[in-house]
Amino acid sequence: MHESPQLLADRLREEADRVFDFFIHLTDEQWGLIIYPLSSDWTLHDLLAHFVSSEIGRKELIIDVINGGIGAPQNFDIDAYNQQEVGKLSGNSHKYLLESFTRERAGLVKLVSALDSSDLERRGNDPYLGETSLGDMIKLTYRHPQIHLREVRRSI
């Protein structure tokens, strides 16, 4: 059995606060740091753009599963999606991206808060987890930034 929708919404909100707190305290120099030098040229600014695009995509995925959809298509290329979406968003300012992340996460918190516990058992395809429950999709949504920021903290 999954946690309650309210507990998941609380975790989403708490994690959003941690993400905001991390980014708001970066120096100008840190924003430009390349964070994955062996696999991409993403800076911390690009990572925040990734978080924004992820929030938008995860919300769409969750709504699809709530409405009885399959979730992500089986052939969905998450790496190509991430590169494309980060490219679209990274031209925006840090402030804009932080505001967008906060707004998108608040919308997701509201959506999850309104779910019934039975909704968490709905199943669909997650681009990272594969076939899974909606509850697990929501958990990944708040764990995703945790994973990235843990890696970033080690490198800076």
N, C-alpha and C. Protein backbone atom coordinates (compact mmCIF):
# COMPACT_ATOMS: atom_id res chain seq x y z
N MET A 1 0.84 -1.19 0.00
CA MET A 1 0.00 0.00 0.00
C MET A 1 0.88 1.25 0.00
N HIS A 2 0.46 2.23 -0.74
CA HIS A 2 1.19 3.49 -0.85
C HIS A 2 0.83 4.44 0.28
N GLU A 3 1.67 5.43 0.45
CA GLU A 3 1.33 6.52 1.36
C GLU A 3 0.05 7.19 0.88
N SER A 4 -0.53 8.01 1.70
CA SER A 4 -1.75 8.72 1.31
C SER A 4 -1.40 9.80 0.30
N PRO A 5 -2.39 10.21 -0.50
CA PRO A 5 -2.13 11.31 -1.43
C PRO A 5 -1.64 12.57 -0.70
N GLN A 6 -2.17 12.83 0.47
CA GLN A 6 -1.74 14.03 1.20
C GLN A 6 -0.28 13.94 1.63
N LEU A 7 0.15 12.76 2.06
CA LEU A 7 1.55 12.58 2.44
C LEU A 7 2.46 12.77 1.23
N LEU A 8 2.07 12.23 0.08
CA LEU A 8 2.86 12.41 -1.14
C LEU A 8 2.89 13.88 -1.55
N ALA A 9 1.75 14.56 -1.43
CA ALA A 9 1.71 15.99 -1.75
C ALA A 9 2.62 16.77 -0.82
N ASP A 10 2.63 16.41 0.46
CA ASP A 10 3.52 17.08 1.42
C ASP A 10 4.98 16.86 1.05
N ARG A 11 5.32 15.66 0.63
CA ARG A 11 6.71 15.38 0.23
C ARG A 11 7.09 16.16 -1.02
N LEU A 12 6.15 16.26 -1.97
CA LEU A 12 6.41 17.06 -3.16
C LEU A 12 6.67 18.52 -2.78
N ARG A 13 5.88 19.04 -1.87
CA ARG A 13 6.03 20.43 -1.43
C ARG A 13 7.36 20.63 -0.70
N GLU A 14 7.69 19.72 0.19
CA GLU A 14 8.94 19.83 0.95
C GLU A 14 10.15 19.77 0.03
N GLU A 15 10.12 18.87 -0.94
CA GLU A 15 11.24 18.75 -1.86
C GLU A 15 11.35 19.99 -2.74
N ALA A 16 10.23 20.56 -3.12
CA ALA A 16 10.27 21.80 -3.90
C ALA A 16 10.96 22.91 -3.12
N ASP A 17 10.68 22.96 -1.82
CA ASP A 17 11.34 23.97 -0.98
C ASP A 17 12.84 23.76 -0.95
N ARG A 18 13.28 22.50 -0.89
CA ARG A 18 14.72 22.21 -0.88
C ARG A 18 15.38 22.58 -2.21
N VAL A 19 14.68 22.28 -3.30
CA VAL A 19 15.21 22.64 -4.63
C VAL A 19 15.35 24.15 -4.73
N PHE A 20 14.31 24.87 -4.36
CA PHE A 20 14.35 26.33 -4.41
C PHE A 20 15.48 26.87 -3.55
N ASP A 21 15.61 26.34 -2.35
CA ASP A 21 16.65 26.79 -1.43
C ASP A 21 18.04 26.55 -2.01
N PHE A 22 18.24 25.42 -2.66
CA PHE A 22 19.54 25.13 -3.28
C PHE A 22 19.86 26.17 -4.35
N PHE A 23 18.93 26.37 -5.27
CA PHE A 23 19.21 27.24 -6.42
C PHE A 23 19.26 28.72 -6.04
N ILE A 24 18.47 29.14 -5.10
CA ILE A 24 18.43 30.56 -4.75
C ILE A 24 19.75 31.01 -4.10
N HIS A 25 20.50 30.08 -3.56
CA HIS A 25 21.75 30.43 -2.88
C HIS A 25 23.00 30.25 -3.76
N LEU A 26 22.82 29.94 -5.04
CA LEU A 26 23.98 29.80 -5.93
C LEU A 26 24.59 31.16 -6.23
N THR A 27 25.90 31.18 -6.36
CA THR A 27 26.58 32.39 -6.81
C THR A 27 26.50 32.46 -8.34
N ASP A 28 26.79 33.62 -8.89
CA ASP A 28 26.79 33.77 -10.35
C ASP A 28 27.75 32.77 -10.99
N GLU A 29 28.88 32.57 -10.37
CA GLU A 29 29.87 31.62 -10.90
C GLU A 29 29.34 30.19 -10.88
N GLN A 30 28.64 29.80 -9.83
CA GLN A 30 28.14 28.44 -9.71
C GLN A 30 27.07 28.12 -10.76
N TRP A 31 26.26 29.10 -11.12
CA TRP A 31 25.22 28.85 -12.12
C TRP A 31 25.81 28.28 -13.41
N GLY A 32 27.02 28.68 -13.75
CA GLY A 32 27.64 28.25 -14.99
C GLY A 32 28.47 26.99 -14.90
N LEU A 33 28.56 26.39 -13.72
CA LEU A 33 29.35 25.16 -13.57
C LEU A 33 28.76 24.03 -14.40
N ILE A 34 29.63 23.34 -15.12
CA ILE A 34 29.21 22.15 -15.86
C ILE A 34 29.14 21.01 -14.84
N ILE A 35 27.98 20.36 -14.78
CA ILE A 35 27.77 19.40 -13.70
C ILE A 35 27.97 17.95 -14.10
N TYR A 36 27.85 17.65 -15.37
CA TYR A 36 28.08 16.28 -15.84
C TYR A 36 29.10 16.30 -16.97
N PRO A 37 30.34 16.63 -16.66
CA PRO A 37 31.33 16.85 -17.73
C PRO A 37 31.60 15.63 -18.61
N LEU A 38 31.39 14.44 -18.12
CA LEU A 38 31.67 13.26 -18.92
C LEU A 38 30.52 12.86 -19.82
N SER A 39 29.30 13.34 -19.54
CA SER A 39 28.15 12.89 -20.32
C SER A 39 27.35 14.00 -20.99
N SER A 40 27.50 15.24 -20.52
CA SER A 40 26.77 16.35 -21.14
C SER A 40 27.46 17.65 -20.79
N ASP A 41 26.97 18.71 -21.39
CA ASP A 41 27.52 20.02 -21.09
C ASP A 41 26.55 20.83 -20.24
N TRP A 42 25.68 20.16 -19.51
CA TRP A 42 24.70 20.85 -18.68
C TRP A 42 25.38 21.61 -17.54
N THR A 43 24.94 22.84 -17.39
CA THR A 43 25.35 23.66 -16.25
C THR A 43 24.26 23.55 -15.18
N LEU A 44 24.48 24.17 -14.06
CA LEU A 44 23.43 24.19 -13.04
C LEU A 44 22.19 24.92 -13.55
N HIS A 45 22.39 25.93 -14.39
CA HIS A 45 21.25 26.60 -15.03
C HIS A 45 20.46 25.60 -15.88
N ASP A 46 21.16 24.79 -16.65
CA ASP A 46 20.50 23.76 -17.47
C ASP A 46 19.79 22.73 -16.61
N LEU A 47 20.38 22.39 -15.49
CA LEU A 47 19.74 21.44 -14.59
C LEU A 47 18.41 21.99 -14.08
N LEU A 48 18.37 23.26 -13.76
CA LEU A 48 17.11 23.86 -13.33
C LEU A 48 16.11 23.84 -14.48
N ALA A 49 16.55 24.10 -15.70
CA ALA A 49 15.66 23.99 -16.86
C ALA A 49 15.14 22.56 -16.98
N HIS A 50 16.00 21.58 -16.72
CA HIS A 50 15.59 20.17 -16.73
C HIS A 50 14.53 19.91 -15.67
N PHE A 51 14.70 20.46 -14.49
CA PHE A 51 13.70 20.29 -13.43
C PHE A 51 12.35 20.87 -13.86
N VAL A 52 12.36 22.03 -14.53
CA VAL A 52 11.11 22.63 -14.98
C VAL A 52 10.45 21.73 -16.02
N SER A 53 11.21 21.28 -17.01
CA SER A 53 10.62 20.43 -18.04
C SER A 53 10.15 19.11 -17.46
N SER A 54 10.87 18.61 -16.49
CA SER A 54 10.46 17.37 -15.83
C SER A 54 9.14 17.55 -15.09
N GLU A 55 8.99 18.68 -14.41
CA GLU A 55 7.73 18.95 -13.70
C GLU A 55 6.55 18.96 -14.67
N ILE A 56 6.74 19.61 -15.80
CA ILE A 56 5.67 19.70 -16.80
C ILE A 56 5.36 18.30 -17.33
N GLY A 57 6.39 17.57 -17.71
CA GLY A 57 6.20 16.24 -18.27
C GLY A 57 5.62 15.25 -17.27
N ARG A 58 6.10 15.30 -16.03
CA ARG A 58 5.60 14.37 -15.00
C ARG A 58 4.12 14.64 -14.72
N LYS A 59 3.75 15.93 -14.68
CA LYS A 59 2.34 16.26 -14.43
C LYS A 59 1.47 15.72 -15.57
N GLU A 60 1.90 15.91 -16.82
CA GLU A 60 1.16 15.37 -17.96
C GLU A 60 1.04 13.85 -17.86
N LEU A 61 2.11 13.20 -17.49
CA LEU A 61 2.12 11.74 -17.34
C LEU A 61 1.11 11.31 -16.26
N ILE A 62 1.15 11.97 -15.13
CA ILE A 62 0.28 11.62 -14.01
C ILE A 62 -1.18 11.85 -14.38
N ILE A 63 -1.48 12.95 -15.04
CA ILE A 63 -2.86 13.22 -15.47
C ILE A 63 -3.32 12.15 -16.45
N ASP A 64 -2.45 11.76 -17.36
CA ASP A 64 -2.81 10.71 -18.32
C ASP A 64 -3.18 9.42 -17.60
N VAL A 65 -2.40 9.02 -16.63
CA VAL A 65 -2.67 7.77 -15.91
C VAL A 65 -3.95 7.91 -15.07
N ILE A 66 -4.14 9.06 -14.44
CA ILE A 66 -5.37 9.28 -13.68
C ILE A 66 -6.59 9.11 -14.57
N ASN A 67 -6.48 9.59 -15.81
CA ASN A 67 -7.60 9.52 -16.75
C ASN A 67 -7.69 8.20 -17.48
N GLY A 68 -6.93 7.19 -17.05
CA GLY A 68 -7.02 5.86 -17.64
C GLY A 68 -6.09 5.62 -18.81
N GLY A 69 -5.19 6.56 -19.07
CA GLY A 69 -4.25 6.40 -20.17
C GLY A 69 -3.13 5.43 -19.83
N ILE A 70 -2.27 5.20 -20.81
CA ILE A 70 -1.18 4.23 -20.63
C ILE A 70 0.07 4.84 -20.02
N GLY A 71 0.11 6.18 -19.94
CA GLY A 71 1.33 6.83 -19.48
C GLY A 71 2.21 7.12 -20.68
N ALA A 72 3.50 6.96 -20.51
CA ALA A 72 4.45 7.23 -21.60
C ALA A 72 4.37 6.12 -22.64
N PRO A 73 4.49 6.49 -23.92
CA PRO A 73 4.55 5.46 -24.95
C PRO A 73 5.75 4.54 -24.72
N GLN A 74 5.62 3.29 -25.14
CA GLN A 74 6.69 2.31 -24.93
C GLN A 74 8.01 2.74 -25.57
N ASN A 75 7.95 3.43 -26.68
CA ASN A 75 9.17 3.81 -27.40
C ASN A 75 9.64 5.22 -27.03
N PHE A 76 9.17 5.77 -25.93
CA PHE A 76 9.54 7.13 -25.51
C PHE A 76 11.03 7.19 -25.19
N ASP A 77 11.71 8.13 -25.81
CA ASP A 77 13.16 8.31 -25.60
C ASP A 77 13.37 9.45 -24.60
N ILE A 78 13.54 9.10 -23.34
CA ILE A 78 13.64 10.09 -22.28
C ILE A 78 14.87 10.98 -22.44
N ASP A 79 15.97 10.43 -22.92
CA ASP A 79 17.18 11.24 -23.10
C ASP A 79 16.99 12.30 -24.19
N ALA A 80 16.38 11.91 -25.29
CA ALA A 80 16.12 12.87 -26.37
C ALA A 80 15.14 13.94 -25.90
N TYR A 81 14.11 13.52 -25.16
CA TYR A 81 13.14 14.47 -24.61
C TYR A 81 13.83 15.47 -23.69
N ASN A 82 14.67 14.98 -22.80
CA ASN A 82 15.36 15.86 -21.86
C ASN A 82 16.23 16.88 -22.59
N GLN A 83 16.99 16.43 -23.57
CA GLN A 83 17.87 17.34 -24.32
C GLN A 83 17.05 18.40 -25.05
N GLN A 84 15.97 17.98 -25.67
CA GLN A 84 15.13 18.90 -26.43
C GLN A 84 14.49 19.94 -25.51
N GLU A 85 13.92 19.49 -24.41
CA GLU A 85 13.22 20.41 -23.50
C GLU A 85 14.18 21.36 -22.79
N VAL A 86 15.34 20.86 -22.39
CA VAL A 86 16.32 21.74 -21.76
C VAL A 86 16.77 22.80 -22.77
N GLY A 87 16.95 22.40 -24.01
CA GLY A 87 17.31 23.37 -25.05
C GLY A 87 16.28 24.46 -25.21
N LYS A 88 15.01 24.11 -25.10
CA LYS A 88 13.93 25.09 -25.22
C LYS A 88 13.90 26.06 -24.03
N LEU A 89 14.18 25.57 -22.85
CA LEU A 89 14.00 26.37 -21.64
C LEU A 89 15.25 27.09 -21.16
N SER A 90 16.42 26.61 -21.53
CA SER A 90 17.65 27.13 -20.92
C SER A 90 17.97 28.57 -21.30
N GLY A 91 17.31 29.12 -22.31
CA GLY A 91 17.52 30.52 -22.66
C GLY A 91 16.84 31.49 -21.70
N ASN A 92 16.02 30.96 -20.81
CA ASN A 92 15.33 31.81 -19.83
C ASN A 92 16.23 32.11 -18.65
N SER A 93 15.90 33.16 -17.93
CA SER A 93 16.69 33.57 -16.77
C SER A 93 16.54 32.59 -15.61
N HIS A 94 17.49 32.64 -14.69
CA HIS A 94 17.40 31.81 -13.47
C HIS A 94 16.09 32.11 -12.74
N LYS A 95 15.78 33.40 -12.63
CA LYS A 95 14.57 33.80 -11.91
C LYS A 95 13.32 33.20 -12.56
N TYR A 96 13.25 33.30 -13.87
CA TYR A 96 12.10 32.73 -14.59
C TYR A 96 11.99 31.23 -14.35
N LEU A 97 13.12 30.54 -14.43
CA LEU A 97 13.10 29.09 -14.23
C LEU A 97 12.70 28.72 -12.81
N LEU A 98 13.20 29.45 -11.82
CA LEU A 98 12.80 29.18 -10.43
C LEU A 98 11.30 29.42 -10.23
N GLU A 99 10.79 30.50 -10.80
CA GLU A 99 9.36 30.77 -10.71
C GLU A 99 8.55 29.70 -11.41
N SER A 100 9.03 29.25 -12.56
CA SER A 100 8.33 28.20 -13.31
C SER A 100 8.33 26.89 -12.54
N PHE A 101 9.48 26.53 -11.98
CA PHE A 101 9.55 25.30 -11.19
C PHE A 101 8.56 25.36 -10.02
N THR A 102 8.57 26.48 -9.32
CA THR A 102 7.70 26.64 -8.15
C THR A 102 6.23 26.55 -8.56
N ARG A 103 5.87 27.21 -9.66
CA ARG A 103 4.49 27.20 -10.14
C ARG A 103 4.07 25.79 -10.58
N GLU A 104 4.94 25.13 -11.34
CA GLU A 104 4.60 23.78 -11.83
C GLU A 104 4.47 22.80 -10.67
N ARG A 105 5.37 22.88 -9.72
CA ARG A 105 5.31 21.96 -8.57
C ARG A 105 4.06 22.23 -7.74
N ALA A 106 3.71 23.50 -7.55
CA ALA A 106 2.49 23.83 -6.79
C ALA A 106 1.26 23.23 -7.47
N GLY A 107 1.23 23.27 -8.78
CA GLY A 107 0.11 22.65 -9.51
C GLY A 107 0.06 21.15 -9.30
N LEU A 108 1.22 20.53 -9.28
CA LEU A 108 1.27 19.09 -9.05
C LEU A 108 0.86 18.75 -7.62
N VAL A 109 1.29 19.54 -6.67
CA VAL A 109 0.90 19.32 -5.27
C VAL A 109 -0.62 19.39 -5.14
N LYS A 110 -1.21 20.38 -5.78
CA LYS A 110 -2.68 20.52 -5.75
C LYS A 110 -3.36 19.30 -6.37
N LEU A 111 -2.85 18.85 -7.50
CA LEU A 111 -3.41 17.68 -8.17
C LEU A 111 -3.31 16.44 -7.29
N VAL A 112 -2.15 16.18 -6.74
CA VAL A 112 -1.95 14.99 -5.91
C VAL A 112 -2.79 15.06 -4.64
N SER A 113 -2.92 16.24 -4.06
CA SER A 113 -3.73 16.41 -2.85
C SER A 113 -5.19 16.03 -3.08
N ALA A 114 -5.66 16.19 -4.30
CA ALA A 114 -7.06 15.92 -4.62
C ALA A 114 -7.34 14.45 -4.98
N LEU A 115 -6.29 13.65 -5.05
CA LEU A 115 -6.47 12.24 -5.41
C LEU A 115 -7.08 11.44 -4.26
N ASP A 116 -7.70 10.32 -4.62
CA ASP A 116 -8.12 9.33 -3.63
C ASP A 116 -7.01 8.31 -3.50
N SER A 117 -6.94 7.66 -2.37
CA SER A 117 -5.91 6.63 -2.17
C SER A 117 -5.97 5.56 -3.25
N SER A 118 -7.17 5.23 -3.72
CA SER A 118 -7.30 4.20 -4.75
C SER A 118 -6.65 4.64 -6.07
N ASP A 119 -6.58 5.94 -6.32
CA ASP A 119 -5.94 6.43 -7.54
C ASP A 119 -4.46 6.06 -7.59
N LEU A 120 -3.84 5.96 -6.43
CA LEU A 120 -2.41 5.66 -6.37
C LEU A 120 -2.08 4.27 -6.88
N GLU A 121 -3.08 3.41 -6.96
CA GLU A 121 -2.86 2.05 -7.46
C GLU A 121 -3.00 1.95 -8.97
N ARG A 122 -3.51 3.00 -9.61
CA ARG A 122 -3.61 2.98 -11.08
C ARG A 122 -2.23 2.69 -11.65
N ARG A 123 -2.20 2.06 -12.81
CA ARG A 123 -0.93 1.67 -13.39
C ARG A 123 -0.75 2.31 -14.76
N GLY A 124 0.51 2.56 -15.07
CA GLY A 124 0.85 3.13 -16.36
C GLY A 124 2.34 2.98 -16.60
N ASN A 125 2.77 3.41 -17.77
CA ASN A 125 4.18 3.31 -18.13
C ASN A 125 4.89 4.60 -17.78
N ASP A 126 5.91 4.48 -16.97
CA ASP A 126 6.76 5.60 -16.61
C ASP A 126 8.02 5.49 -17.47
N PRO A 127 8.52 6.61 -18.04
CA PRO A 127 9.69 6.51 -18.92
C PRO A 127 10.95 6.02 -18.22
N TYR A 128 11.01 6.14 -16.91
CA TYR A 128 12.18 5.69 -16.16
C TYR A 128 11.92 4.35 -15.47
N LEU A 129 10.76 4.21 -14.85
CA LEU A 129 10.45 3.02 -14.06
C LEU A 129 9.83 1.89 -14.86
N GLY A 130 9.31 2.19 -16.04
CA GLY A 130 8.56 1.20 -16.79
C GLY A 130 7.15 1.08 -16.22
N GLU A 131 6.53 -0.06 -16.37
CA GLU A 131 5.17 -0.30 -15.88
C GLU A 131 5.17 -0.22 -14.35
N THR A 132 4.36 0.70 -13.81
CA THR A 132 4.37 0.92 -12.36
C THR A 132 3.08 1.58 -11.92
N SER A 133 2.96 1.76 -10.62
CA SER A 133 1.78 2.41 -10.06
C SER A 133 1.92 3.93 -10.10
N LEU A 134 0.79 4.60 -10.05
CA LEU A 134 0.80 6.06 -10.00
C LEU A 134 1.51 6.55 -8.74
N GLY A 135 1.33 5.84 -7.62
CA GLY A 135 2.02 6.21 -6.39
C GLY A 135 3.53 6.23 -6.58
N ASP A 136 4.06 5.21 -7.27
CA ASP A 136 5.50 5.18 -7.51
C ASP A 136 5.95 6.27 -8.48
N MET A 137 5.09 6.61 -9.44
CA MET A 137 5.42 7.71 -10.35
C MET A 137 5.54 9.01 -9.57
N ILE A 138 4.64 9.22 -8.64
CA ILE A 138 4.67 10.44 -7.83
C ILE A 138 5.91 10.46 -6.95
N LYS A 139 6.24 9.32 -6.35
CA LYS A 139 7.45 9.25 -5.52
C LYS A 139 8.69 9.61 -6.34
N LEU A 140 8.78 9.08 -7.56
CA LEU A 140 9.92 9.39 -8.40
C LEU A 140 9.98 10.89 -8.71
N THR A 141 8.82 11.52 -8.80
CA THR A 141 8.78 12.94 -9.11
C THR A 141 9.46 13.76 -8.02
N TYR A 142 9.30 13.39 -6.76
CA TYR A 142 10.01 14.16 -5.72
C TYR A 142 11.41 13.61 -5.46
N ARG A 143 11.68 12.39 -5.83
CA ARG A 143 13.04 11.85 -5.65
C ARG A 143 13.99 12.31 -6.75
N HIS A 144 13.46 12.57 -7.91
CA HIS A 144 14.27 12.94 -9.07
C HIS A 144 15.21 14.12 -8.77
N PRO A 145 14.70 15.25 -8.27
CA PRO A 145 15.63 16.34 -7.94
C PRO A 145 16.61 15.97 -6.83
N GLN A 146 16.16 15.16 -5.87
CA GLN A 146 17.04 14.73 -4.78
C GLN A 146 18.27 14.03 -5.35
N ILE A 147 18.04 13.15 -6.29
CA ILE A 147 19.13 12.37 -6.88
C ILE A 147 20.12 13.30 -7.58
N HIS A 148 19.61 14.20 -8.42
CA HIS A 148 20.49 15.13 -9.13
C HIS A 148 21.25 16.04 -8.16
N LEU A 149 20.54 16.58 -7.20
CA LEU A 149 21.21 17.54 -6.30
C LEU A 149 22.23 16.85 -5.38
N ARG A 150 22.01 15.61 -5.05
CA ARG A 150 23.00 14.86 -4.28
C ARG A 150 24.28 14.73 -5.11
N GLU A 151 24.14 14.41 -6.39
CA GLU A 151 25.30 14.30 -7.28
C GLU A 151 26.00 15.66 -7.43
N VAL A 152 25.24 16.72 -7.56
CA VAL A 152 25.80 18.06 -7.72
C VAL A 152 26.57 18.46 -6.48
N ARG A 153 26.01 18.22 -5.32
CA ARG A 153 26.68 18.62 -4.07
C ARG A 153 28.03 17.92 -3.93
N ARG A 154 28.12 16.70 -4.42
CA ARG A 154 29.40 15.99 -4.36
C ARG A 154 30.45 16.64 -5.25
N SER A 155 29.98 17.20 -6.37
CA SER A 155 30.94 17.75 -7.32
C SER A 155 31.29 19.22 -7.05
N ILE A 156 30.46 19.92 -6.28
CA ILE A 156 30.79 21.32 -5.98
C ILE A 156 31.05 21.42 -4.49
